[in-house]
Structure formats: structure tokens, C-alpha cells
């Protein structure tokens, strides 16, 4: 190893080039800061290279493939279309390469210094960066840890088996599994189950009975109905007992919800895995930064750790392990360093899954709202009553609205159905501004469009939805129109 002779000085050093890290770097450059970004692998981090982007390529392909029957109804195609996994894998790589190049170009255009290597703290204002035989030392005024998290296989399983995979590894397979067993219920697990079923695999989901799906109860019920419709088998389990792998298959033995032992045989087993913050190699233990019992770095409202010169964002901090959290925190940390007064409020962070159809949950579920003691108005508008959903043959699903009846303030919006992802921003905005029912009913909505479903879901709170079953409007509600 060659150690650099001089200690090099830097203003702001960011460790990690994922969504949070490079967003923080660009925002820093916009604010006139001199920024150095250190990345040990590929720009874009796990999200771009292994996680959410590859996952969305597969869900996009699966959604298109599931549309082939409808396309033939429209006179497009002749029914001879064949799915080619090799082409999809090639397309996935081209998307990743293009987005990664875009991130690299952003850094170059914003004059962000990018250093390749593994960083570790030597002190509260000093890090070392190792790249092969080279080891350089940098002194900084402010540092941001944005190193993300990694999946770990649950203990007791055959970690070296070729048929037991962590969720991101499924996107490297060169065959569509004959029978895919998915253990988990996070968004990636559900996307894998939904997309691979559409791509031709038999799919079984092992759903933890204690945890269940992470959505509103109505969404959970509809998701189960759609899984059944698509012949995706869901087994509720209390405990995973063992796995056994042979050359051609994998068997999973569990205790099901009937409290009996059950064995499922498939070709691959996917685990969402346990995510751990990537901090072990950073050497922060010698700095005595405050951490949680689970190992996450404790930060204040400005993302500042217990050491004033060091900030932390994204998966290394407490809370949801989501790219949108990292991006928001990254911008806020840099704005705080630059002297601003940013605010990060994750109250209305959307829960999103690119399943078929997609799911979005924002705000309180009906159960949480009732448990809090609220008096509620709750309504659902089925997309089967929406004109545009009929045109596009995307009639599965609904929009659910939960309102505090004493204030008319919307406290939760939940959707399963085509267009949910694109509408999620509007849902978040409405809850952030504490919108009332009238705020949603007053504007004009494009026709025909899925967005009209939100209007009718709110109108349905007091029986005013036009494209729903007949309901008599009470006189006192009519006076408020």
C-alpha cells in the first residue's frame, strides 16, 4: 500500500454515490460548495445497479406482457408474441448503464470531484481512502455518510446454495423459474411475485402471519383477491423451519397458519433479506458516534450526528429504507451545512409497490385512524366505474379515501390500480396541505382519466359519486355542496 504524503483538505466530503449521496452532492454544488464524493463501487448505488431500477424494468416488462390479450383486442399483434428473457436482461443493462452515465455526467457538469475507493474515518475531521495499493488521507470541514444498506440472508439457511437467492439476485437469472417461492412481503418481494407470475412462472408467496402486507386493510384484501385471480398462491406462515436444496429444486418447510407443518417445493427461493446499514468498514466505532441498538446512526432534524462535523442520511439512519428518504435527507443535510433551515418530515412518505396493478398508500390506514379515536368518513371508488380504465382494460382496483368527519380533513388516501404511482405525488401533496374534502371536489378534472377516480372517491364520502351505485344524499349534506 502506498500512503499519500500530504493530507489533502476538502470542504464537504460525501461517502456513497447512491441516490442520497449524489443528490446531496449536486445540491451542494448548486449552493456553491466545493464537493468531493467518494464511491467504492458504481455510481448510483444499490438502488440503480441492483435494486429498485432492475426491479422496475422487470415489472414494466411484466405489465406489458400482461397487456398482450388487450392489445389483440385493439387489433395489435397476432398472438404469436414470445417473451425473450435474454433481450430483457440486455435491456435492463442498457437502462442501468444509461442512468449511471447520467449520474456521472451530472457530477462532472456540476464540478463535483468523484474519488473511487473505500473510505474509513481516521478522526472526526479526517478520512482515509483506499484504492488498490493507494491510500490517501483527506481532512474535511463537513462529512456526510450515505453508504446505504445491504441485504443479509436470515441465519440458519444454506447461504451458499445456488437456489436460495436474495431479492436483487433474481434479476440476474438467465431463466424464468418454473416455480418461484417468495419469502417476504416488502415492496420488492411483492413486485417479484407479481412480475414473475406474469412472465410465466408459478409463484408461491410465504407471507408472515404476524406481519402481513404493509398496506391498508382494504388494499390487503384486494391484493389477495388479485393474487388468487392470477393463480399466485399465498401461504400464511408463522415460522420458517428449514430448507433443503438439491441439484434441481429447493424445498421449504414451514409452520402454516393452521399450526401444521407444510413443505413447498420449487425451483428457486427468494428472500427479501434483513437489511443492515453499511457502516462496519467506516471505522465510526472509534469516533463513538451515537447509534441505535440495531446499528443505525442517530441524527437530529438536520441529519447531523452526535459529532457536529459528521452528518448521515438514507439507509444508515433510522426509518424506512427507501431511496426517496435518502434523497430528501441528502438535500436537507447539505442545505443545513450551507446555512439554510430545511425541514424533513416523513409523515406522508408514500408506501409504493409496482405490482400488477400498482399500489400506493399515503397517510393513515383506516385501522390506525380509528384506533386514534377519530370519527371517520370512509369511501371507495372502484376503477371499474371509470371510463378511461374501461378503455385501457385496467379496471382492477379502487381508490380509498379516509376523512376526519369532524374537520372534513383528508387523513389517508390508498389506491390499488393502474396510474397509482403517477397519482401518488398528488396524494402526498393533498395530505401535506391538510386538504379538506371540498379542496378535492372543487377543481375540474380531465375527462376521461384515472384522476377522476379520486374525485369520485371523495364525492362518495357523502354519497355524491356519479359512477357508483345509487345512494340517497341526506339533506344536510346537500346543503354543504
Protein backbone atom coordinates (compact mmCIF):
# COMPACT_ATOMS: atom_id res chain seq x y z
CA UNK A 1 0.00 0.00 0.00
CA UNK A 2 1.28 3.47 -0.92
CA UNK A 3 0.29 6.19 1.55
CA UNK A 4 -0.17 9.69 0.21
CA UNK A 5 2.50 12.04 1.54
CA UNK A 6 0.21 15.02 2.04
CA UNK A 7 -3.07 15.41 3.87
CA UNK A 8 -5.43 16.88 1.34
CA UNK A 9 -8.02 19.40 2.52
CA UNK A 10 -11.65 19.37 1.40
CA UNK A 11 -14.73 21.38 2.38
CA UNK A 12 -17.51 18.80 2.05
CA UNK A 13 -16.93 15.07 1.62
CA UNK A 14 -19.81 12.72 0.90
CA UNK A 15 -19.25 8.97 1.29
CA UNK A 16 -21.52 7.00 -1.03
CA UNK A 17 -22.75 7.72 -4.56
CA UNK A 18 -26.29 6.33 -4.31
CA UNK A 19 -29.47 8.41 -4.75
CA UNK A 20 -28.98 10.22 -1.43
CA UNK A 21 -25.26 10.77 -1.89
CA UNK A 22 -25.25 12.13 -5.43
CA UNK A 23 -28.38 14.24 -4.77
CA UNK A 24 -26.62 15.77 -1.80
CA UNK A 25 -23.53 16.39 -3.94
CA UNK A 26 -25.47 18.15 -6.70
CA UNK A 27 -27.41 20.26 -4.19
CA UNK A 28 -24.11 21.21 -2.56
CA UNK A 29 -22.70 22.33 -5.91
CA UNK A 30 -25.87 24.34 -6.58
CA UNK A 31 -25.31 26.14 -3.27
CA UNK A 32 -21.74 26.98 -4.20
CA UNK A 33 -20.00 24.41 -2.02
CA UNK A 34 -16.86 22.57 -3.07
CA UNK A 35 -17.94 18.91 -3.02
CA UNK A 36 -15.98 15.66 -3.03
CA UNK A 37 -17.90 12.40 -3.45
CA UNK A 38 -16.31 9.05 -2.61
CA UNK A 39 -17.76 5.82 -4.04
CA UNK A 40 -16.23 2.36 -3.66
CA UNK A 41 -18.22 0.64 -6.41
CA UNK A 42 -20.56 2.05 -9.07
CA UNK A 43 -22.28 5.43 -9.13
CA UNK A 44 -25.98 5.21 -8.42
CA UNK A 45 -25.57 2.76 -5.57
CA UNK A 46 -27.57 -0.40 -4.93
CA UNK A 47 -30.86 1.25 -5.95
CA UNK A 48 -29.75 1.96 -9.50
CA UNK A 49 -27.48 -1.02 -10.10
CA UNK A 50 -29.14 -3.88 -8.21
CA UNK A 51 -32.37 -2.83 -6.53
CA UNK A 52 -35.28 -0.64 -7.49
CA UNK A 53 -34.26 0.12 -11.10
CA UNK A 54 -33.74 -3.53 -12.18
CA UNK A 55 -36.92 -4.42 -10.31
CA UNK A 56 -38.90 -1.78 -12.19
CA UNK A 57 -37.51 -2.96 -15.54
CA UNK A 58 -38.97 -6.39 -14.79
CA UNK A 59 -42.29 -5.04 -13.51
CA UNK A 60 -42.58 -2.84 -16.61
CA UNK A 61 -41.91 -5.82 -18.90
CA UNK A 62 -44.37 -7.98 -16.98
CA UNK A 63 -47.08 -5.31 -17.19
CA UNK A 64 -46.56 -5.02 -20.95
CA UNK A 65 -46.68 -8.78 -21.38
CA UNK A 66 -49.91 -8.97 -19.38
CA UNK A 67 -51.40 -6.46 -21.83
CA UNK A 68 -50.98 -8.70 -24.89
CA UNK A 69 -54.55 -10.01 -24.79
CA UNK A 70 -55.90 -6.47 -24.66
CA UNK A 71 -53.58 -5.41 -27.48
CA UNK A 72 -55.02 -8.16 -29.67
CA UNK A 73 -58.49 -6.82 -28.84
CA UNK A 74 -57.26 -3.49 -30.19
CA UNK A 75 -56.02 -5.13 -33.39
CA UNK A 76 -52.34 -5.02 -32.41
CA UNK A 77 -50.36 -8.27 -32.74
CA UNK A 78 -51.49 -11.69 -33.86
CA UNK A 79 -50.97 -13.76 -30.72
CA UNK A 80 -47.55 -15.10 -31.75
CA UNK A 81 -45.59 -12.80 -29.42
CA UNK A 82 -42.89 -14.68 -27.45
CA UNK A 83 -41.19 -13.44 -24.30
CA UNK A 84 -37.39 -13.35 -24.62
CA UNK A 85 -35.63 -13.15 -21.25
CA UNK A 86 -32.19 -12.57 -22.79
CA UNK A 87 -33.46 -9.43 -24.52
CA UNK A 88 -35.00 -8.23 -21.25
CA UNK A 89 -31.71 -8.75 -19.42
CA UNK A 90 -29.90 -6.83 -22.16
CA UNK A 91 -32.47 -4.03 -21.91
CA UNK A 92 -32.06 -3.94 -18.14
CA UNK A 93 -28.30 -3.48 -18.50
CA UNK A 94 -28.75 -0.72 -21.08
CA UNK A 95 -31.14 1.14 -18.74
CA UNK A 96 -28.73 0.81 -15.81
CA UNK A 97 -25.75 1.89 -17.92
CA UNK A 98 -27.66 4.88 -19.26
CA UNK A 99 -28.81 6.06 -15.85
CA UNK A 100 -25.37 5.51 -14.33
CA UNK A 101 -23.79 7.53 -17.11
CA UNK A 102 -26.34 10.23 -16.43
CA UNK A 103 -25.34 10.39 -12.75
CA UNK A 104 -21.66 10.55 -13.70
CA UNK A 105 -22.39 13.36 -16.16
CA UNK A 106 -24.33 15.29 -13.51
CA UNK A 107 -21.33 15.14 -11.20
CA UNK A 108 -18.97 16.25 -13.96
CA UNK A 109 -21.21 19.11 -15.09
CA UNK A 110 -21.55 20.32 -11.50
CA UNK A 111 -17.77 20.14 -10.99
CA UNK A 112 -18.11 17.53 -8.24
CA UNK A 113 -14.86 15.72 -7.51
CA UNK A 114 -15.51 11.96 -7.63
CA UNK A 115 -12.97 9.66 -5.96
CA UNK A 116 -13.09 5.88 -6.35
CA UNK A 117 -12.17 3.96 -3.23
CA UNK A 118 -13.14 2.65 0.20
CA UNK A 119 -13.38 5.35 2.86
CA UNK A 120 -12.82 5.00 6.59
CA UNK A 121 -12.73 7.60 9.34
CA UNK A 122 -9.42 8.38 11.00
CA UNK A 123 -10.93 11.13 13.15
CA UNK A 124 -13.87 13.49 13.41
CA UNK A 125 -12.47 15.59 10.55
CA UNK A 126 -10.28 13.12 8.69
CA UNK A 127 -10.77 10.07 6.47
CA UNK A 128 -8.55 7.67 4.59
CA UNK A 129 -9.45 6.39 1.13
CA UNK A 130 -8.06 3.10 -0.07
CA UNK A 131 -8.00 2.25 -3.77
CA UNK A 132 -5.88 -0.79 -4.56
CA UNK A 133 -2.37 -0.04 -3.33
CA UNK A 134 -3.08 3.68 -2.96
CA UNK A 135 -4.13 5.19 0.37
CA UNK A 136 -4.88 8.91 0.58
CA UNK A 137 -5.81 11.00 3.59
CA UNK A 138 -8.31 13.84 3.46
CA UNK A 139 -9.16 16.45 6.06
CA UNK A 140 -12.69 17.84 5.81
CA UNK A 141 -14.85 20.54 7.35
CA UNK A 142 -18.10 18.59 6.98
CA UNK A 143 -18.76 14.98 6.04
CA UNK A 144 -21.92 13.08 5.07
CA UNK A 145 -22.29 9.32 5.43
CA UNK A 146 -24.52 8.00 2.64
CA UNK A 147 -23.34 4.40 2.35
CA UNK A 148 -26.78 2.75 2.31
CA UNK A 149 -27.54 -0.79 3.46
CA UNK A 150 -27.02 -4.37 2.37
CA UNK A 151 -29.18 -7.48 2.46
CA UNK A 152 -28.22 -10.39 4.66
CA UNK A 153 -29.58 -13.91 4.45
CA UNK A 154 -31.52 -14.99 7.55
CA UNK A 155 -29.38 -17.21 9.78
CA UNK A 156 -29.78 -20.97 9.57
CA UNK A 157 -30.28 -21.14 5.81
CA UNK A 158 -27.96 -22.54 3.16
CA UNK A 159 -26.26 -19.30 2.25
CA UNK A 160 -24.13 -20.88 -0.46
CA UNK A 161 -26.94 -22.70 -2.23
CA UNK A 162 -27.49 -21.72 -5.84
CA UNK A 163 -31.27 -21.93 -5.49
CA UNK A 164 -31.62 -19.63 -2.47
CA UNK A 165 -31.29 -16.02 -3.57
CA UNK A 166 -31.56 -12.57 -2.09
CA UNK A 167 -34.16 -10.47 -3.88
CA UNK A 168 -31.75 -8.49 -6.09
CA UNK A 169 -30.13 -11.71 -7.40
CA UNK A 170 -33.33 -12.82 -9.16
CA UNK A 171 -32.73 -10.14 -11.80
CA UNK A 172 -29.53 -11.88 -12.88
CA UNK A 173 -31.13 -15.27 -13.61
CA UNK A 174 -30.98 -16.39 -17.23
CA UNK A 175 -34.16 -18.43 -16.96
CA UNK A 176 -37.69 -17.83 -15.78
CA UNK A 177 -38.12 -20.16 -12.78
CA UNK A 178 -40.64 -22.93 -13.19
CA UNK A 179 -41.80 -22.42 -9.60
CA UNK A 180 -40.62 -19.37 -7.67
CA UNK A 181 -41.08 -19.26 -3.88
CA UNK A 182 -41.01 -15.73 -2.47
CA UNK A 183 -40.47 -15.25 1.25
CA UNK A 184 -41.40 -11.72 2.30
CA UNK A 185 -43.98 -9.00 1.87
CA UNK A 186 -41.98 -5.82 1.28
CA UNK A 187 -42.44 -3.96 -2.00
CA UNK A 188 -39.57 -5.72 -3.79
CA UNK A 189 -40.88 -9.16 -2.79
CA UNK A 190 -44.39 -8.33 -3.99
CA UNK A 191 -43.06 -6.87 -7.24
CA UNK A 192 -41.02 -10.01 -7.86
CA UNK A 193 -44.04 -12.24 -7.21
CA UNK A 194 -46.34 -10.16 -9.40
CA UNK A 195 -43.93 -9.72 -12.32
CA UNK A 196 -42.57 -13.28 -12.49
CA UNK A 197 -46.10 -14.68 -12.41
CA UNK A 198 -46.87 -12.51 -15.45
CA UNK A 199 -43.64 -13.70 -17.11
CA UNK A 200 -44.77 -17.31 -16.84
CA UNK A 201 -43.53 -18.67 -13.51
CA UNK A 202 -45.65 -20.48 -10.97
CA UNK A 203 -45.36 -18.33 -7.84
CA UNK A 204 -45.91 -19.07 -4.14
CA UNK A 205 -45.66 -16.32 -1.53
CA UNK A 206 -44.78 -17.21 2.05
CA UNK A 207 -46.48 -14.40 3.97
CA UNK A 208 -45.50 -13.84 7.59
CA UNK A 209 -48.76 -14.22 9.53
CA UNK A 210 -47.62 -11.76 12.20
CA UNK A 211 -46.53 -9.03 9.80
CA UNK A 212 -48.86 -9.38 6.81
CA UNK A 213 -48.89 -6.88 3.95
CA UNK A 214 -47.79 -3.31 4.79
CA UNK A 215 -50.92 -1.64 3.39
CA UNK A 216 -54.41 -0.54 4.38
CA UNK A 217 -56.66 -3.49 5.17
CA UNK A 218 -58.82 -2.93 2.07
CA UNK A 219 -55.74 -2.96 -0.16
CA UNK A 220 -54.54 -6.16 1.51
CA UNK A 221 -57.87 -7.87 0.81
CA UNK A 222 -57.89 -6.72 -2.81
CA UNK A 223 -54.27 -7.80 -3.28
CA UNK A 224 -55.12 -11.29 -2.10
CA UNK A 225 -58.09 -11.39 -4.48
CA UNK A 226 -55.93 -10.35 -7.43
CA UNK A 227 -53.20 -12.83 -6.50
CA UNK A 228 -55.81 -15.59 -6.44
CA UNK A 229 -57.14 -14.41 -9.81
CA UNK A 230 -53.60 -14.60 -11.24
CA UNK A 231 -53.04 -18.03 -9.65
CA UNK A 232 -50.37 -16.75 -7.24
CA UNK A 233 -50.51 -18.98 -4.17
CA UNK A 234 -50.26 -17.18 -0.80
CA UNK A 235 -49.43 -19.27 2.27
CA UNK A 236 -49.57 -17.53 5.62
CA UNK A 237 -46.79 -18.85 7.84
CA UNK A 238 -45.86 -18.48 11.49
CA UNK A 239 -42.34 -19.80 11.17
CA UNK A 240 -39.87 -20.95 8.56
CA UNK A 241 -38.31 -24.19 9.82
CA UNK A 242 -35.83 -25.37 7.22
CA UNK A 243 -34.79 -25.52 3.60
CA UNK A 244 -33.32 -28.36 1.60
CA UNK A 245 -31.69 -27.93 -1.79
CA UNK A 246 -30.96 -30.50 -4.49
CA UNK A 247 -29.50 -30.08 -7.95
CA UNK A 248 -32.90 -29.30 -9.48
CA UNK A 249 -35.13 -27.94 -6.72
CA UNK A 250 -35.48 -26.31 -3.34
CA UNK A 251 -37.90 -27.40 -0.61
CA UNK A 252 -39.10 -25.11 2.17
CA UNK A 253 -40.69 -26.43 5.35
CA UNK A 254 -42.75 -24.05 7.48
CA UNK A 255 -45.46 -23.87 10.13
CA UNK A 256 -48.57 -22.51 8.38
CA UNK A 257 -51.48 -20.53 9.82
CA UNK A 258 -53.27 -23.80 10.68
CA UNK A 259 -50.34 -24.53 13.00
CA UNK A 260 -49.31 -27.55 10.94
CA UNK A 261 -46.07 -28.33 9.16
CA UNK A 262 -46.09 -27.77 5.40
CA UNK A 263 -43.43 -28.30 2.74
CA UNK A 264 -43.35 -26.35 -0.54
CA UNK A 265 -41.14 -27.48 -3.42
CA UNK A 266 -39.93 -25.03 -6.04
CA UNK A 267 -37.02 -24.23 -8.32
CA UNK A 268 -35.83 -21.05 -6.56
CA UNK A 269 -36.40 -19.43 -3.17
CA UNK A 270 -36.21 -15.64 -2.90
CA UNK A 271 -35.62 -13.80 0.37
CA UNK A 272 -36.15 -10.11 0.91
CA UNK A 273 -33.39 -10.48 3.46
CA UNK A 274 -32.55 -8.46 6.54
CA UNK A 275 -31.10 -5.06 5.67
CA UNK A 276 -28.15 -3.80 7.71
CA UNK A 277 -26.55 -0.34 7.44
CA UNK A 278 -23.21 -0.30 5.59
CA UNK A 279 -21.10 1.19 8.35
CA UNK A 280 -18.79 -1.57 9.59
CA UNK A 281 -15.88 -0.65 7.31
CA UNK A 282 -16.20 3.08 8.06
CA UNK A 283 -14.48 2.83 11.42
CA UNK A 284 -17.08 5.00 13.16
CA UNK A 285 -16.79 2.94 16.35
CA UNK A 286 -13.55 4.72 17.17
CA UNK A 287 -15.40 8.05 16.88
CA UNK A 288 -18.15 6.92 19.27
CA UNK A 289 -20.96 8.27 17.11
CA UNK A 290 -24.30 7.57 18.77
CA UNK A 291 -26.11 4.61 17.23
CA UNK A 292 -29.31 2.68 17.82
CA UNK A 293 -29.35 -0.87 19.15
CA UNK A 294 -29.75 -2.05 15.53
CA UNK A 295 -26.66 -0.06 14.49
CA UNK A 296 -28.29 2.86 12.68
CA UNK A 297 -26.69 6.28 13.14
CA UNK A 298 -28.72 8.66 15.27
CA UNK A 299 -29.29 12.06 13.66
CA UNK A 300 -31.19 15.24 14.53
CA UNK A 301 -33.69 17.12 12.34
CA UNK A 302 -30.81 18.42 10.18
CA UNK A 303 -29.29 14.91 9.69
CA UNK A 304 -26.40 15.87 11.99
CA UNK A 305 -24.92 13.05 14.08
CA UNK A 306 -23.66 13.30 17.64
CA UNK A 307 -20.38 14.55 16.12
CA UNK A 308 -21.10 18.05 14.69
CA UNK A 309 -18.80 17.64 11.66
CA UNK A 310 -20.48 14.40 10.52
CA UNK A 311 -23.96 14.01 9.02
CA UNK A 312 -25.75 10.80 7.98
CA UNK A 313 -28.58 10.16 5.51
CA UNK A 314 -30.59 7.34 3.99
CA UNK A 315 -30.40 3.69 5.00
CA UNK A 316 -27.70 4.27 7.63
CA UNK A 317 -30.28 6.25 9.66
CA UNK A 318 -33.47 5.10 11.37
CA UNK A 319 -36.76 4.89 9.48
CA UNK A 320 -37.92 3.41 6.17
CA UNK A 321 -35.10 2.08 3.98
CA UNK A 322 -36.20 3.90 0.85
CA UNK A 323 -34.39 5.93 -1.81
CA UNK A 324 -36.92 8.76 -1.52
CA UNK A 325 -35.99 9.18 2.15
CA UNK A 326 -32.28 9.27 1.30
CA UNK A 327 -32.80 11.88 -1.44
CA UNK A 328 -34.87 14.12 0.83
CA UNK A 329 -32.40 13.81 3.70
CA UNK A 330 -29.39 14.36 1.42
CA UNK A 331 -30.69 17.68 0.14
CA UNK A 332 -31.65 18.78 3.65
CA UNK A 333 -28.25 17.90 5.13
CA UNK A 334 -26.40 19.98 2.55
CA UNK A 335 -28.83 22.88 2.85
CA UNK A 336 -28.26 22.86 6.61
CA UNK A 337 -24.48 22.80 6.10
CA UNK A 338 -24.85 25.79 3.74
CA UNK A 339 -26.67 27.75 6.45
CA UNK A 340 -30.26 27.06 5.48
CA UNK A 341 -33.13 25.83 7.63
CA UNK A 342 -34.53 22.80 5.81
CA UNK A 343 -37.28 20.58 7.14
CA UNK A 344 -37.60 16.84 6.67
CA UNK A 345 -41.00 15.44 7.60
CA UNK A 346 -41.57 11.82 6.60
CA UNK A 347 -45.14 11.65 7.96
CA UNK A 348 -46.64 11.28 4.49
CA UNK A 349 -43.89 9.21 2.90
CA UNK A 350 -45.78 7.11 0.33
CA UNK A 351 -45.69 3.32 0.51
CA UNK A 352 -45.39 2.19 -3.11
CA UNK A 353 -45.28 -1.16 -4.88
CA UNK A 354 -45.03 -1.56 -8.68
CA UNK A 355 -47.14 -4.69 -8.63
CA UNK A 356 -49.73 -5.55 -11.30
CA UNK A 357 -51.68 -3.39 -10.69
CA UNK A 358 -49.52 -0.95 -8.67
CA UNK A 359 -50.21 0.12 -5.09
CA UNK A 360 -49.84 3.43 -3.25
CA UNK A 361 -50.68 4.15 0.39
CA UNK A 362 -50.34 7.64 1.86
CA UNK A 363 -51.32 8.73 5.35
CA UNK A 364 -53.30 6.79 7.92
CA UNK A 365 -54.84 3.41 7.27
CA UNK A 366 -58.46 3.05 8.31
CA UNK A 367 -57.46 0.94 11.32
CA UNK A 368 -54.86 3.42 12.54
CA UNK A 369 -57.26 6.31 12.10
CA UNK A 370 -59.99 4.51 14.10
CA UNK A 371 -57.51 3.40 16.75
CA UNK A 372 -56.53 7.05 17.23
CA UNK A 373 -60.13 7.84 18.18
CA UNK A 374 -61.12 9.75 15.05
CA UNK A 375 -64.68 9.90 13.79
CA UNK A 376 -64.32 8.91 10.14
CA UNK A 377 -65.93 9.04 6.76
CA UNK A 378 -64.56 6.30 4.52
CA UNK A 379 -65.29 5.64 0.86
CA UNK A 380 -64.01 3.53 -2.02
CA UNK A 381 -64.44 4.15 -5.70
CA UNK A 382 -63.94 1.08 -7.90
CA UNK A 383 -61.95 1.74 -11.06
CA UNK A 384 -64.43 -0.46 -12.91
CA UNK A 385 -66.69 2.60 -12.89
CA UNK A 386 -64.06 4.82 -14.53
CA UNK A 387 -64.36 5.44 -18.28
CA UNK A 388 -60.64 5.57 -19.02
CA UNK A 389 -59.97 2.39 -17.02
CA UNK A 390 -62.55 0.71 -19.23
CA UNK A 391 -60.84 1.97 -22.40
CA UNK A 392 -57.44 0.71 -21.28
CA UNK A 393 -58.86 -2.50 -19.77
CA UNK A 394 -57.34 -1.58 -16.38
CA UNK A 395 -60.48 -1.98 -14.31
CA UNK A 396 -58.99 -3.85 -11.35
CA UNK A 397 -58.62 -1.91 -8.12
CA UNK A 398 -60.01 1.14 -6.40
CA UNK A 399 -59.22 4.45 -4.69
CA UNK A 400 -59.99 4.69 -0.99
CA UNK A 401 -60.29 7.97 0.88
CA UNK A 402 -60.37 8.39 4.67
CA UNK A 403 -61.63 11.67 6.11
CA UNK A 404 -61.93 13.08 9.63
CA UNK A 405 -65.69 13.73 9.77
CA UNK A 406 -65.34 16.45 12.43
CA UNK A 407 -62.99 18.59 10.32
CA UNK A 408 -63.50 17.23 6.75
CA UNK A 409 -59.69 16.90 6.53
CA UNK A 410 -58.40 14.01 4.43
CA UNK A 411 -56.15 11.79 6.58
CA UNK A 412 -55.45 8.90 4.21
CA UNK A 413 -55.57 8.04 0.51
CA UNK A 414 -54.94 4.49 -0.70
CA UNK A 415 -55.02 3.16 -4.24
CA UNK A 416 -54.52 -0.13 -5.99
CA UNK A 417 -54.86 0.20 -9.74
CA UNK A 418 -53.29 1.49 -12.92
CA UNK A 419 -52.00 5.06 -12.54
CA UNK A 420 -51.44 4.79 -8.79
CA UNK A 421 -47.71 5.58 -8.97
CA UNK A 422 -48.23 8.70 -11.06
CA UNK A 423 -51.03 9.92 -8.79
CA UNK A 424 -49.08 9.33 -5.58
CA UNK A 425 -47.50 12.79 -5.74
CA UNK A 426 -50.92 14.39 -5.72
CA UNK A 427 -51.97 12.23 -2.76
CA UNK A 428 -48.91 13.32 -0.78
CA UNK A 429 -49.47 16.97 -1.67
CA UNK A 430 -53.09 16.88 -0.56
CA UNK A 431 -52.24 15.39 2.82
CA UNK A 432 -49.26 17.73 3.32
CA UNK A 433 -51.54 20.77 2.81
CA UNK A 434 -54.19 19.27 5.14
CA UNK A 435 -56.69 19.31 2.30
CA UNK A 436 -60.37 19.15 3.08
CA UNK A 437 -62.96 17.23 1.08
CA UNK A 438 -64.00 20.46 -0.66
CA UNK A 439 -60.41 21.12 -1.81
CA UNK A 440 -60.58 17.92 -3.87
CA UNK A 441 -64.17 18.31 -5.07
CA UNK A 442 -63.84 21.92 -6.25
CA UNK A 443 -61.32 21.67 -9.18
CA UNK A 444 -62.22 20.37 -12.67
CA UNK A 445 -60.66 17.03 -13.65
CA UNK A 446 -59.59 15.95 -17.15
CA UNK A 447 -62.07 13.57 -18.77
CA UNK A 448 -61.65 10.73 -19.43
CA UNK A 449 -58.87 10.00 -16.96
CA UNK A 450 -57.97 7.87 -13.98
CA UNK A 451 -57.69 11.10 -11.95
CA UNK A 452 -61.49 11.31 -11.96
CA UNK A 453 -61.44 8.28 -9.65
CA UNK A 454 -60.00 10.45 -6.86
CA UNK A 455 -62.79 12.99 -7.32
CA UNK A 456 -65.45 10.30 -7.19
CA UNK A 457 -63.86 8.64 -4.17
CA UNK A 458 -64.14 11.92 -2.27
CA UNK A 459 -67.64 12.59 -3.56
CA UNK A 460 -68.60 9.11 -2.40
CA UNK A 461 -67.81 10.13 1.20
CA UNK A 462 -71.30 11.69 1.32
CA UNK A 463 -72.95 9.75 -1.47
CA UNK A 464 -72.26 12.15 -4.35
CA UNK A 465 -70.22 9.87 -6.65
CA UNK A 466 -71.88 9.76 -10.08
CA UNK A 467 -70.45 6.47 -11.37
CA UNK A 468 -71.26 4.38 -8.31
CA UNK A 469 -74.30 2.59 -7.02
CA UNK A 470 -77.41 4.68 -6.17
CA UNK A 471 -77.21 6.44 -2.81
CA UNK A 472 -79.66 8.92 -1.35
CA UNK A 473 -77.97 12.16 -0.34
CA UNK A 474 -79.00 13.46 3.05
CA UNK A 475 -80.42 16.99 3.01
CA UNK A 476 -77.78 18.32 5.42
CA UNK A 477 -75.04 17.03 3.13
CA UNK A 478 -76.75 18.57 0.09
CA UNK A 479 -76.66 21.99 1.77
CA UNK A 480 -72.88 21.74 2.03
CA UNK A 481 -72.37 21.12 -1.69
